[in-house]
């Protein structure tokens, strides 16, 4: 990737959310230190934003200090902050597809995505994917991806994501957990430059089952899977009680944690790095990051949205592109 322009493709996300204003705020903070090109309809950017329209990411580099580089797409709808217009849905999808094509062709070094609003995409374009990540996986033609939440303090991966807690024990299988461990290990090596990543795993049950007193999954198969993968060369520990795994002394002993369900992973990172957590998709053939928040319709257009997570997402994408 040495010939790939070190420019990040930033898809616009839902125009009626905070995506456009935090993109501008991120550009004002980063400028030439982290070049990116915003892909969307320039009409949706905050009034008075200095922009430079480009046709290729490489064209953005000379202009980043003085203007926000924009790869323009024409959307059908207007913009009312806080009120999604379904007519913009095809444009939002096209912005994502355009960004993916740029990174697949290595015309951009990484992809960063602003938050989308799934209902608007369903209403306006019959969007058929459970979410952003699944759509990206389909565009990349891969079957399995893993969500990592990353910050300076912590990296966490939920093995199961948006399902009811009651379904976790049936969905969490040895095959699934092996797959998540493998993709996480590969991602830490490829994107974070770690030669021998150390991965800690939580237990599923309180106190990691406490010897079977509080659940049997740890004894029935988790310990055996971890031992087998250790023998294969993976640097794994666990299953650990989740309630003692996230204090400072504990997380100095690993590079990432794989947790068994959504809240077990997201509560600690949102406690430690609420405004600066970054969503990283592992398992794609290209780099993808995004801010760890939604469209925030309630504050869109008021100029008060915090761009910290997007700034960190762009910086991390740049760092990972250099590691690759």
C-alpha atoms as a PDB file:
ATOM      1  CA  UNK A   1       0.000   0.000   0.000  1.00  0.00           C
ATOM      2  CA  UNK A   2       3.024   2.293  -0.248  1.00  0.00           C
ATOM      3  CA  UNK A   3       1.591   3.976  -3.371  1.00  0.00           C
ATOM      4  CA  UNK A   4      -1.844   4.471  -1.825  1.00  0.00           C
ATOM      5  CA  UNK A   5      -2.600   8.153  -1.133  1.00  0.00           C
ATOM      6  CA  UNK A   6      -2.575   8.663   2.631  1.00  0.00           C
ATOM      7  CA  UNK A   7      -6.054  10.139   2.503  1.00  0.00           C
ATOM      8  CA  UNK A   8      -9.022   8.707   4.394  1.00  0.00           C
ATOM      9  CA  UNK A   9     -12.414   8.412   2.714  1.00  0.00           C
ATOM     10  CA  UNK A  10     -15.131   9.716   5.089  1.00  0.00           C
ATOM     11  CA  UNK A  11     -18.670   8.782   4.065  1.00  0.00           C
ATOM     12  CA  UNK A  12     -21.229  11.405   5.072  1.00  0.00           C
ATOM     13  CA  UNK A  13     -23.712   9.233   6.973  1.00  0.00           C
ATOM     14  CA  UNK A  14     -27.207  10.529   7.704  1.00  0.00           C
ATOM     15  CA  UNK A  15     -27.284  14.204   6.614  1.00  0.00           C
ATOM     16  CA  UNK A  16     -29.912  15.195   9.189  1.00  0.00           C
ATOM     17  CA  UNK A  17     -27.764  13.951  12.048  1.00  0.00           C
ATOM     18  CA  UNK A  18     -24.585  15.407  13.492  1.00  0.00           C
ATOM     19  CA  UNK A  19     -22.375  13.833  10.821  1.00  0.00           C
ATOM     20  CA  UNK A  20     -21.894  16.945   8.649  1.00  0.00           C
ATOM     21  CA  UNK A  21     -21.087  19.293  11.535  1.00  0.00           C
ATOM     22  CA  UNK A  22     -18.644  16.931  13.264  1.00  0.00           C
ATOM     23  CA  UNK A  23     -16.929  16.310   9.918  1.00  0.00           C
ATOM     24  CA  UNK A  24     -16.290  20.043   9.636  1.00  0.00           C
ATOM     25  CA  UNK A  25     -15.171  20.243  13.266  1.00  0.00           C
ATOM     26  CA  UNK A  26     -12.814  17.304  12.698  1.00  0.00           C
ATOM     27  CA  UNK A  27     -11.340  18.984   9.609  1.00  0.00           C
ATOM     28  CA  UNK A  28     -10.757  22.223  11.553  1.00  0.00           C
ATOM     29  CA  UNK A  29      -8.896  20.224  14.223  1.00  0.00           C
ATOM     30  CA  UNK A  30      -6.880  17.920  11.959  1.00  0.00           C
ATOM     31  CA  UNK A  31      -6.380  19.702   8.633  1.00  0.00           C
ATOM     32  CA  UNK A  32      -3.199  18.460   6.908  1.00  0.00           C
ATOM     33  CA  UNK A  33      -2.085  16.366   9.889  1.00  0.00           C
ATOM     34  CA  UNK A  34      -4.695  13.739   8.960  1.00  0.00           C
ATOM     35  CA  UNK A  35      -5.989  14.315   5.418  1.00  0.00           C
ATOM     36  CA  UNK A  36      -9.464  13.072   4.596  1.00  0.00           C
ATOM     37  CA  UNK A  37     -12.034  13.629   1.890  1.00  0.00           C
ATOM     38  CA  UNK A  38     -15.720  13.959   2.792  1.00  0.00           C
ATOM     39  CA  UNK A  39     -18.101  12.123   0.452  1.00  0.00           C
ATOM     40  CA  UNK A  40     -21.615  13.536   0.245  1.00  0.00           C
ATOM     41  CA  UNK A  41     -23.758  16.441  -0.901  1.00  0.00           C
ATOM     42  CA  UNK A  42     -22.002  19.762  -0.169  1.00  0.00           C
ATOM     43  CA  UNK A  43     -25.415  21.391   0.393  1.00  0.00           C
ATOM     44  CA  UNK A  44     -25.686  19.427   3.623  1.00  0.00           C
ATOM     45  CA  UNK A  45     -22.558  20.893   5.205  1.00  0.00           C
ATOM     46  CA  UNK A  46     -22.893  23.774   7.699  1.00  0.00           C
ATOM     47  CA  UNK A  47     -23.260  27.151   6.030  1.00  0.00           C
ATOM     48  CA  UNK A  48     -19.993  28.975   5.502  1.00  0.00           C
ATOM     49  CA  UNK A  49     -17.819  25.857   5.465  1.00  0.00           C
ATOM     50  CA  UNK A  50     -14.839  26.410   3.151  1.00  0.00           C
ATOM     51  CA  UNK A  51     -14.750  23.444   0.780  1.00  0.00           C
ATOM     52  CA  UNK A  52     -12.697  22.250  -2.165  1.00  0.00           C
ATOM     53  CA  UNK A  53     -14.439  19.853  -4.522  1.00  0.00           C
ATOM     54  CA  UNK A  54     -12.213  17.041  -5.793  1.00  0.00           C
ATOM     55  CA  UNK A  55     -12.617  14.059  -8.093  1.00  0.00           C
ATOM     56  CA  UNK A  56      -9.957  11.824  -6.467  1.00  0.00           C
ATOM     57  CA  UNK A  57      -8.685  11.547  -2.878  1.00  0.00           C
ATOM     58  CA  UNK A  58      -5.115  12.421  -3.889  1.00  0.00           C
ATOM     59  CA  UNK A  59      -6.354  15.851  -4.960  1.00  0.00           C
ATOM     60  CA  UNK A  60      -7.311  16.587  -1.360  1.00  0.00           C
ATOM     61  CA  UNK A  61      -3.775  16.749   0.036  1.00  0.00           C
ATOM     62  CA  UNK A  62      -2.782  20.258  -1.164  1.00  0.00           C
ATOM     63  CA  UNK A  63      -6.047  21.774   0.071  1.00  0.00           C
ATOM     64  CA  UNK A  64      -6.512  20.287   3.551  1.00  0.00           C
ATOM     65  CA  UNK A  65      -5.097  23.278   5.401  1.00  0.00           C
ATOM     66  CA  UNK A  66      -7.434  25.806   3.805  1.00  0.00           C
ATOM     67  CA  UNK A  67     -10.615  23.907   2.919  1.00  0.00           C
ATOM     68  CA  UNK A  68     -12.527  20.696   3.586  1.00  0.00           C
ATOM     69  CA  UNK A  69     -11.947  18.419   0.579  1.00  0.00           C
ATOM     70  CA  UNK A  70     -15.284  17.141  -0.737  1.00  0.00           C
ATOM     71  CA  UNK A  71     -16.026  14.448  -3.286  1.00  0.00           C
ATOM     72  CA  UNK A  72     -19.495  15.705  -4.251  1.00  0.00           C
ATOM     73  CA  UNK A  73     -22.581  13.556  -4.717  1.00  0.00           C
ATOM     74  CA  UNK A  74     -26.017  14.968  -5.534  1.00  0.00           C
ATOM     75  CA  UNK A  75     -28.744  13.886  -3.102  1.00  0.00           C
ATOM     76  CA  UNK A  76     -32.448  14.129  -3.910  1.00  0.00           C
ATOM     77  CA  UNK A  77     -33.649  15.479  -0.575  1.00  0.00           C
ATOM     78  CA  UNK A  78     -33.239  18.725   1.308  1.00  0.00           C
ATOM     79  CA  UNK A  79     -31.872  19.061   4.818  1.00  0.00           C
ATOM     80  CA  UNK A  80     -33.716  19.722   8.047  1.00  0.00           C
ATOM     81  CA  UNK A  81     -31.408  18.953  10.977  1.00  0.00           C
ATOM     82  CA  UNK A  82     -32.958  16.332  13.238  1.00  0.00           C
ATOM     83  CA  UNK A  83     -35.505  15.164  10.646  1.00  0.00           C
ATOM     84  CA  UNK A  84     -34.348  12.447   8.265  1.00  0.00           C
ATOM     85  CA  UNK A  85     -35.592  12.800   4.695  1.00  0.00           C
ATOM     86  CA  UNK A  86     -36.011   9.338   3.098  1.00  0.00           C
ATOM     87  CA  UNK A  87     -35.269  10.888  -0.296  1.00  0.00           C
ATOM     88  CA  UNK A  88     -31.648  11.161   0.824  1.00  0.00           C
ATOM     89  CA  UNK A  89     -31.380   7.425   1.531  1.00  0.00           C
ATOM     90  CA  UNK A  90     -30.078   6.426  -1.938  1.00  0.00           C
ATOM     91  CA  UNK A  91     -27.439   9.139  -1.637  1.00  0.00           C
ATOM     92  CA  UNK A  92     -26.304   7.931   1.778  1.00  0.00           C
ATOM     93  CA  UNK A  93     -25.938   4.410   0.402  1.00  0.00           C
ATOM     94  CA  UNK A  94     -24.113   5.697  -2.669  1.00  0.00           C
ATOM     95  CA  UNK A  95     -21.662   7.605  -0.450  1.00  0.00           C
ATOM     96  CA  UNK A  96     -20.806   4.376   1.406  1.00  0.00           C
ATOM     97  CA  UNK A  97     -20.455   2.437  -1.838  1.00  0.00           C
ATOM     98  CA  UNK A  98     -18.229   5.158  -3.305  1.00  0.00           C
ATOM     99  CA  UNK A  99     -15.992   5.168  -0.231  1.00  0.00           C
ATOM    100  CA  UNK A 100     -15.690   1.373  -0.298  1.00  0.00           C
ATOM    101  CA  UNK A 101     -14.713   1.425  -3.966  1.00  0.00           C
ATOM    102  CA  UNK A 102     -12.020   3.994  -3.212  1.00  0.00           C
ATOM    103  CA  UNK A 103     -10.410   1.841  -0.515  1.00  0.00           C
ATOM    104  CA  UNK A 104     -10.811  -1.376  -2.508  1.00  0.00           C
ATOM    105  CA  UNK A 105      -8.983   0.268  -5.435  1.00  0.00           C
ATOM    106  CA  UNK A 106      -6.415   1.660  -2.967  1.00  0.00           C
ATOM    107  CA  UNK A 107      -7.264   5.202  -4.048  1.00  0.00           C
ATOM    108  CA  UNK A 108      -7.767   5.936  -0.333  1.00  0.00           C
ATOM    109  CA  UNK A 109      -5.835   4.494   2.597  1.00  0.00           C
ATOM    110  CA  UNK A 110      -8.796   3.796   4.890  1.00  0.00           C
ATOM    111  CA  UNK A 111     -12.531   4.189   5.299  1.00  0.00           C
ATOM    112  CA  UNK A 112     -14.203   6.135   8.095  1.00  0.00           C
ATOM    113  CA  UNK A 113     -17.994   6.167   8.249  1.00  0.00           C
ATOM    114  CA  UNK A 114     -20.258   8.736   9.858  1.00  0.00           C
ATOM    115  CA  UNK A 115     -23.394   7.345  11.576  1.00  0.00           C
ATOM    116  CA  UNK A 116     -26.363   6.275   9.461  1.00  0.00           C
ATOM    117  CA  UNK A 117     -30.051   6.074  10.395  1.00  0.00           C
ATOM    118  CA  UNK A 118     -31.356   2.658   9.492  1.00  0.00           C
ATOM    119  CA  UNK A 119     -35.073   3.547   9.425  1.00  0.00           C
ATOM    120  CA  UNK A 120     -34.465   6.352   6.932  1.00  0.00           C
ATOM    121  CA  UNK A 121     -32.559   3.923   4.702  1.00  0.00           C
ATOM    122  CA  UNK A 122     -35.343   1.353   4.939  1.00  0.00           C
ATOM    123  CA  UNK A 123     -38.035   3.956   4.225  1.00  0.00           C
ATOM    124  CA  UNK A 124     -36.162   5.571   1.357  1.00  0.00           C
ATOM    125  CA  UNK A 125     -34.199   2.733  -0.227  1.00  0.00           C
ATOM    126  CA  UNK A 126     -35.528  -0.591   1.127  1.00  0.00           C
ATOM    127  CA  UNK A 127     -32.218  -1.102   2.940  1.00  0.00           C
ATOM    128  CA  UNK A 128     -32.083  -4.821   3.726  1.00  0.00           C
ATOM    129  CA  UNK A 129     -29.050  -5.101   6.021  1.00  0.00           C
ATOM    130  CA  UNK A 130     -29.168  -5.290   9.821  1.00  0.00           C
ATOM    131  CA  UNK A 131     -26.716  -2.396  10.024  1.00  0.00           C
ATOM    132  CA  UNK A 132     -23.760  -0.509   8.626  1.00  0.00           C
ATOM    133  CA  UNK A 133     -21.233  -3.261   9.347  1.00  0.00           C
ATOM    134  CA  UNK A 134     -23.213  -5.978   7.580  1.00  0.00           C
ATOM    135  CA  UNK A 135     -23.573  -3.746   4.514  1.00  0.00           C
ATOM    136  CA  UNK A 136     -19.812  -3.166   4.437  1.00  0.00           C
ATOM    137  CA  UNK A 137     -19.182  -6.905   4.760  1.00  0.00           C
ATOM    138  CA  UNK A 138     -21.469  -7.526   1.771  1.00  0.00           C
ATOM    139  CA  UNK A 139     -19.711  -4.867  -0.295  1.00  0.00           C
ATOM    140  CA  UNK A 140     -16.363  -6.419   0.646  1.00  0.00           C
ATOM    141  CA  UNK A 141     -17.701  -9.926  -0.121  1.00  0.00           C
ATOM    142  CA  UNK A 142     -16.669 -11.380   3.240  1.00  0.00           C
ATOM    143  CA  UNK A 143     -18.804 -13.618   5.425  1.00  0.00           C
ATOM    144  CA  UNK A 144     -17.540 -12.854   8.918  1.00  0.00           C
ATOM    145  CA  UNK A 145     -16.488  -9.617  10.561  1.00  0.00           C
ATOM    146  CA  UNK A 146     -15.894  -8.609  14.165  1.00  0.00           C
ATOM    147  CA  UNK A 147     -16.665  -5.339  15.943  1.00  0.00           C
ATOM    148  CA  UNK A 148     -13.938  -3.881  18.123  1.00  0.00           C
ATOM    149  CA  UNK A 149     -14.325  -0.800  20.315  1.00  0.00           C
ATOM    150  CA  UNK A 150     -10.925   0.816  20.778  1.00  0.00           C
ATOM    151  CA  UNK A 151      -9.476   3.678  22.782  1.00  0.00           C
ATOM    152  CA  UNK A 152      -6.122   4.593  24.273  1.00  0.00           C
ATOM    153  CA  UNK A 153      -7.196   2.863  27.483  1.00  0.00           C
ATOM    154  CA  UNK A 154      -8.836  -0.323  26.229  1.00  0.00           C
ATOM    155  CA  UNK A 155      -9.733  -2.524  23.246  1.00  0.00           C
ATOM    156  CA  UNK A 156     -12.811  -4.738  23.574  1.00  0.00           C
ATOM    157  CA  UNK A 157     -14.593  -7.137  21.236  1.00  0.00           C
ATOM    158  CA  UNK A 158     -18.105  -8.442  21.947  1.00  0.00           C
ATOM    159  CA  UNK A 159     -18.403 -12.022  20.682  1.00  0.00           C
ATOM    160  CA  UNK A 160     -22.166 -11.574  20.318  1.00  0.00           C
ATOM    161  CA  UNK A 161     -23.630  -8.174  19.587  1.00  0.00           C
ATOM    162  CA  UNK A 162     -27.207  -6.985  19.120  1.00  0.00           C
ATOM    163  CA  UNK A 163     -29.231  -9.912  20.406  1.00  0.00           C
ATOM    164  CA  UNK A 164     -31.332 -10.395  23.555  1.00  0.00           C
ATOM    165  CA  UNK A 165     -29.360 -11.573  26.561  1.00  0.00           C
ATOM    166  CA  UNK A 166     -31.559 -14.673  26.716  1.00  0.00           C
ATOM    167  CA  UNK A 167     -30.224 -15.778  23.296  1.00  0.00           C
ATOM    168  CA  UNK A 168     -26.517 -15.359  24.085  1.00  0.00           C
ATOM    169  CA  UNK A 169     -25.958 -18.924  25.428  1.00  0.00           C
ATOM    170  CA  UNK A 170     -27.408 -20.495  22.265  1.00  0.00           C
ATOM    171  CA  UNK A 171     -25.631 -18.153  19.822  1.00  0.00           C
ATOM    172  CA  UNK A 172     -22.269 -18.314  21.612  1.00  0.00           C
ATOM    173  CA  UNK A 173     -20.827 -21.568  20.301  1.00  0.00           C
ATOM    174  CA  UNK A 174     -17.270 -22.932  20.197  1.00  0.00           C
ATOM    175  CA  UNK A 175     -17.146 -22.323  16.445  1.00  0.00           C
ATOM    176  CA  UNK A 176     -18.288 -18.711  16.808  1.00  0.00           C
ATOM    177  CA  UNK A 177     -15.846 -17.956  19.611  1.00  0.00           C
ATOM    178  CA  UNK A 178     -12.948 -19.558  17.716  1.00  0.00           C
ATOM    179  CA  UNK A 179     -13.816 -17.404  14.710  1.00  0.00           C
ATOM    180  CA  UNK A 180     -13.963 -14.219  16.821  1.00  0.00           C
ATOM    181  CA  UNK A 181     -10.621 -15.034  18.487  1.00  0.00           C
ATOM    182  CA  UNK A 182      -8.961 -15.726  15.137  1.00  0.00           C
ATOM    183  CA  UNK A 183     -10.234 -12.531  13.469  1.00  0.00           C
ATOM    184  CA  UNK A 184      -9.308 -10.472  16.528  1.00  0.00           C
ATOM    185  CA  UNK A 185      -5.788 -11.897  16.599  1.00  0.00           C
ATOM    186  CA  UNK A 186      -5.342 -11.216  12.873  1.00  0.00           C
ATOM    187  CA  UNK A 187      -6.693  -7.676  13.230  1.00  0.00           C
ATOM    188  CA  UNK A 188      -4.370  -6.840  16.116  1.00  0.00           C
ATOM    189  CA  UNK A 189      -1.424  -8.023  14.047  1.00  0.00           C
ATOM    190  CA  UNK A 190      -2.398  -6.444  10.742  1.00  0.00           C
ATOM    191  CA  UNK A 191      -3.949  -3.165  11.850  1.00  0.00           C
ATOM    192  CA  UNK A 192      -2.343  -2.431  15.201  1.00  0.00           C
ATOM    193  CA  UNK A 193       1.137  -3.749  14.413  1.00  0.00           C
ATOM    194  CA  UNK A 194       1.248  -6.211  17.338  1.00  0.00           C
ATOM    195  CA  UNK A 195       3.488  -9.190  16.623  1.00  0.00           C
ATOM    196  CA  UNK A 196       2.197 -11.389  19.442  1.00  0.00           C
ATOM    197  CA  UNK A 197      -1.152  -9.990  20.597  1.00  0.00           C
ATOM    198  CA  UNK A 198      -2.302 -10.939  24.096  1.00  0.00           C
ATOM    199  CA  UNK A 199      -6.038 -11.599  24.282  1.00  0.00           C
ATOM    200  CA  UNK A 200      -8.035 -12.054  27.480  1.00  0.00           C
ATOM    201  CA  UNK A 201     -11.486 -13.662  27.436  1.00  0.00           C
ATOM    202  CA  UNK A 202     -14.266 -13.074  29.905  1.00  0.00           C
ATOM    203  CA  UNK A 203     -16.463 -15.849  31.152  1.00  0.00           C
ATOM    204  CA  UNK A 204     -20.094 -15.948  30.162  1.00  0.00           C
ATOM    205  CA  UNK A 205     -21.440 -16.300  33.696  1.00  0.00           C
ATOM    206  CA  UNK A 206     -20.826 -14.277  36.866  1.00  0.00           C
ATOM    207  CA  UNK A 207     -17.434 -15.109  38.401  1.00  0.00           C
ATOM    208  CA  UNK A 208     -16.719 -17.100  35.194  1.00  0.00           C
ATOM    209  CA  UNK A 209     -19.139 -19.742  36.452  1.00  0.00           C
ATOM    210  CA  UNK A 210     -17.402 -20.159  39.834  1.00  0.00           C
ATOM    211  CA  UNK A 211     -16.539 -23.796  39.214  1.00  0.00           C
ATOM    212  CA  UNK A 212     -20.008 -24.612  37.905  1.00  0.00           C
ATOM    213  CA  UNK A 213     -21.933 -22.990  40.759  1.00  0.00           C
ATOM    214  CA  UNK A 214     -23.148 -20.152  38.512  1.00  0.00           C
ATOM    215  CA  UNK A 215     -23.128 -21.758  35.072  1.00  0.00           C
ATOM    216  CA  UNK A 216     -21.425 -24.537  33.160  1.00  0.00           C
ATOM    217  CA  UNK A 217     -20.336 -23.071  29.813  1.00  0.00           C
ATOM    218  CA  UNK A 218     -16.870 -22.224  31.127  1.00  0.00           C
ATOM    219  CA  UNK A 219     -16.304 -25.816  32.261  1.00  0.00           C
ATOM    220  CA  UNK A 220     -18.203 -27.505  29.446  1.00  0.00           C
ATOM    221  CA  UNK A 221     -16.310 -25.979  26.515  1.00  0.00           C
ATOM    222  CA  UNK A 222     -14.739 -22.539  27.005  1.00  0.00           C
ATOM    223  CA  UNK A 223     -11.719 -23.734  28.971  1.00  0.00           C
ATOM    224  CA  UNK A 224     -11.116 -26.520  26.460  1.00  0.00           C
ATOM    225  CA  UNK A 225     -11.313 -24.167  23.469  1.00  0.00           C
ATOM    226  CA  UNK A 226      -8.884 -21.708  25.068  1.00  0.00           C
ATOM    227  CA  UNK A 227      -6.428 -24.507  25.884  1.00  0.00           C
ATOM    228  CA  UNK A 228      -6.635 -25.872  22.340  1.00  0.00           C
ATOM    229  CA  UNK A 229      -5.984 -22.463  20.793  1.00  0.00           C
ATOM    230  CA  UNK A 230      -3.139 -21.803  23.226  1.00  0.00           C
ATOM    231  CA  UNK A 231      -1.550 -24.996  21.946  1.00  0.00           C
ATOM    232  CA  UNK A 232      -1.931 -23.611  18.412  1.00  0.00           C
ATOM    233  CA  UNK A 233       0.100 -20.529  19.380  1.00  0.00           C
ATOM    234  CA  UNK A 234      -2.553 -17.996  20.381  1.00  0.00           C
ATOM    235  CA  UNK A 235      -1.634 -15.888  23.441  1.00  0.00           C
ATOM    236  CA  UNK A 236      -4.928 -16.327  25.295  1.00  0.00           C
ATOM    237  CA  UNK A 237      -5.962 -16.205  28.932  1.00  0.00           C
ATOM    238  CA  UNK A 238      -9.323 -16.895  30.540  1.00  0.00           C
ATOM    239  CA  UNK A 239     -12.119 -17.307  30.966  1.00  0.00           C
ATOM    240  CA  UNK A 240     -11.840 -14.498  33.532  1.00  0.00           C
ATOM    241  CA  UNK A 241     -14.552 -13.053  35.774  1.00  0.00           C
ATOM    242  CA  UNK A 242     -15.633  -9.941  33.876  1.00  0.00           C
ATOM    243  CA  UNK A 243     -16.003  -7.833  37.008  1.00  0.00           C
ATOM    244  CA  UNK A 244     -12.262  -8.001  37.768  1.00  0.00           C
ATOM    245  CA  UNK A 245     -10.888  -7.700  34.246  1.00  0.00           C
ATOM    246  CA  UNK A 246     -11.097  -3.989  33.480  1.00  0.00           C
ATOM    247  CA  UNK A 247      -9.273  -2.162  36.257  1.00  0.00           C
ATOM    248  CA  UNK A 248      -5.928  -0.548  35.392  1.00  0.00           C
ATOM    249  CA  UNK A 249      -3.656  -3.288  36.750  1.00  0.00           C
ATOM    250  CA  UNK A 250      -5.633  -5.989  34.928  1.00  0.00           C
ATOM    251  CA  UNK A 251      -5.784  -4.377  31.506  1.00  0.00           C
ATOM    252  CA  UNK A 252      -2.024  -3.785  31.535  1.00  0.00           C
ATOM    253  CA  UNK A 253      -1.709  -7.556  31.024  1.00  0.00           C
ATOM    254  CA  UNK A 254      -3.502  -7.846  27.672  1.00  0.00           C
ATOM    255  CA  UNK A 255      -3.867  -6.054  24.329  1.00  0.00           C
ATOM    256  CA  UNK A 256      -7.585  -6.738  23.898  1.00  0.00           C
ATOM    257  CA  UNK A 257     -10.499  -8.383  25.683  1.00  0.00           C
ATOM    258  CA  UNK A 258     -13.082 -10.578  24.018  1.00  0.00           C
ATOM    259  CA  UNK A 259     -16.310 -10.356  25.992  1.00  0.00           C
ATOM    260  CA  UNK A 260     -19.204 -12.733  25.551  1.00  0.00           C
ATOM    261  CA  UNK A 261     -22.017 -10.236  25.035  1.00  0.00           C
ATOM    262  CA  UNK A 262     -22.683  -6.607  24.139  1.00  0.00           C
ATOM    263  CA  UNK A 263     -22.930  -4.851  27.501  1.00  0.00           C
ATOM    264  CA  UNK A 264     -20.119  -6.884  29.041  1.00  0.00           C
ATOM    265  CA  UNK A 265     -17.831  -5.232  26.469  1.00  0.00           C
ATOM    266  CA  UNK A 266     -19.345  -1.790  25.986  1.00  0.00           C
ATOM    267  CA  UNK A 267     -19.953  -0.736  29.587  1.00  0.00           C
ATOM    268  CA  UNK A 268     -16.251  -0.687  30.510  1.00  0.00           C
ATOM    269  CA  UNK A 269     -15.045   1.136  27.403  1.00  0.00           C
ATOM    270  CA  UNK A 270     -17.833   3.702  27.548  1.00  0.00           C
ATOM    271  CA  UNK A 271     -16.973   4.285  31.197  1.00  0.00           C
ATOM    272  CA  UNK A 272     -13.273   4.740  30.469  1.00  0.00           C
ATOM    273  CA  UNK A 273     -13.503   6.573  27.120  1.00  0.00           C
ATOM    274  CA  UNK A 274     -17.069   7.718  26.512  1.00  0.00           C
ATOM    275  CA  UNK A 275     -16.222  10.529  24.063  1.00  0.00           C
ATOM    276  CA  UNK A 276     -13.182   8.946  22.428  1.00  0.00           C
ATOM    277  CA  UNK A 277     -14.097   5.337  21.726  1.00  0.00           C
ATOM    278  CA  UNK A 278     -13.761   4.189  18.122  1.00  0.00           C
ATOM    279  CA  UNK A 279     -15.620   1.405  16.350  1.00  0.00           C
ATOM    280  CA  UNK A 280     -13.229  -0.724  14.258  1.00  0.00           C
ATOM    281  CA  UNK A 281     -14.429  -3.477  11.942  1.00  0.00           C
ATOM    282  CA  UNK A 282     -12.029  -6.421  11.885  1.00  0.00           C
ATOM    283  CA  UNK A 283     -12.130  -8.991   9.085  1.00  0.00           C
ATOM    284  CA  UNK A 284     -12.624  -6.604   6.161  1.00  0.00           C
ATOM    285  CA  UNK A 285      -9.966  -6.446   3.421  1.00  0.00           C
ATOM    286  CA  UNK A 286      -9.638  -2.717   4.123  1.00  0.00           C
ATOM    287  CA  UNK A 287      -9.482  -0.457   7.168  1.00  0.00           C
ATOM    288  CA  UNK A 288     -12.792   0.777   8.537  1.00  0.00           C
ATOM    289  CA  UNK A 289     -13.357   2.944  11.592  1.00  0.00           C
ATOM    290  CA  UNK A 290     -16.294   4.996  12.800  1.00  0.00           C
ATOM    291  CA  UNK A 291     -17.224   7.121  15.793  1.00  0.00           C
ATOM    292  CA  UNK A 292     -18.850   5.180  18.599  1.00  0.00           C
ATOM    293  CA  UNK A 293     -22.133   7.081  18.634  1.00  0.00           C
ATOM    294  CA  UNK A 294     -25.280   7.565  16.589  1.00  0.00           C
ATOM    295  CA  UNK A 295     -26.873  10.355  14.586  1.00  0.00           C
ATOM    296  CA  UNK A 296     -27.930  12.382  17.678  1.00  0.00           C
ATOM    297  CA  UNK A 297     -30.940  13.973  15.987  1.00  0.00           C
ATOM    298  CA  UNK A 298     -31.823  15.814  19.200  1.00  0.00           C
ATOM    299  CA  UNK A 299     -28.770  18.091  18.969  1.00  0.00           C
ATOM    300  CA  UNK A 300     -28.179  18.101  15.209  1.00  0.00           C
ATOM    301  CA  UNK A 301     -27.765  21.563  13.745  1.00  0.00           C
ATOM    302  CA  UNK A 302     -27.176  23.268  17.098  1.00  0.00           C
ATOM    303  CA  UNK A 303     -23.386  23.354  16.742  1.00  0.00           C
ATOM    304  CA  UNK A 304     -22.818  21.605  20.074  1.00  0.00           C
ATOM    305  CA  UNK A 305     -21.989  18.053  18.921  1.00  0.00           C
ATOM    306  CA  UNK A 306     -18.708  16.720  20.280  1.00  0.00           C
ATOM    307  CA  UNK A 307     -16.410  15.659  17.407  1.00  0.00           C
ATOM    308  CA  UNK A 308     -13.924  13.814  19.660  1.00  0.00           C
ATOM    309  CA  UNK A 309     -14.948  10.293  18.654  1.00  0.00           C
ATOM    310  CA  UNK A 310     -14.795  11.116  14.934  1.00  0.00           C
ATOM    311  CA  UNK A 311     -11.410  12.783  15.389  1.00  0.00           C
ATOM    312  CA  UNK A 312     -10.119   9.676  17.162  1.00  0.00           C
ATOM    313  CA  UNK A 313     -11.658   7.445  14.456  1.00  0.00           C
ATOM    314  CA  UNK A 314      -9.808   9.375  11.749  1.00  0.00           C
ATOM    315  CA  UNK A 315      -6.543   9.350  13.677  1.00  0.00           C
ATOM    316  CA  UNK A 316      -6.818   5.624  14.341  1.00  0.00           C
ATOM    317  CA  UNK A 317      -7.569   4.937  10.679  1.00  0.00           C
ATOM    318  CA  UNK A 318      -4.440   6.884   9.756  1.00  0.00           C
ATOM    319  CA  UNK A 319      -2.360   4.980  12.316  1.00  0.00           C
ATOM    320  CA  UNK A 320      -3.634   1.608  11.107  1.00  0.00           C
ATOM    321  CA  UNK A 321      -2.959   2.521   7.467  1.00  0.00           C
ATOM    322  CA  UNK A 322       0.625   3.271   8.413  1.00  0.00           C
ATOM    323  CA  UNK A 323       0.890  -0.041  10.306  1.00  0.00           C
ATOM    324  CA  UNK A 324      -0.253  -1.942   7.248  1.00  0.00           C
END
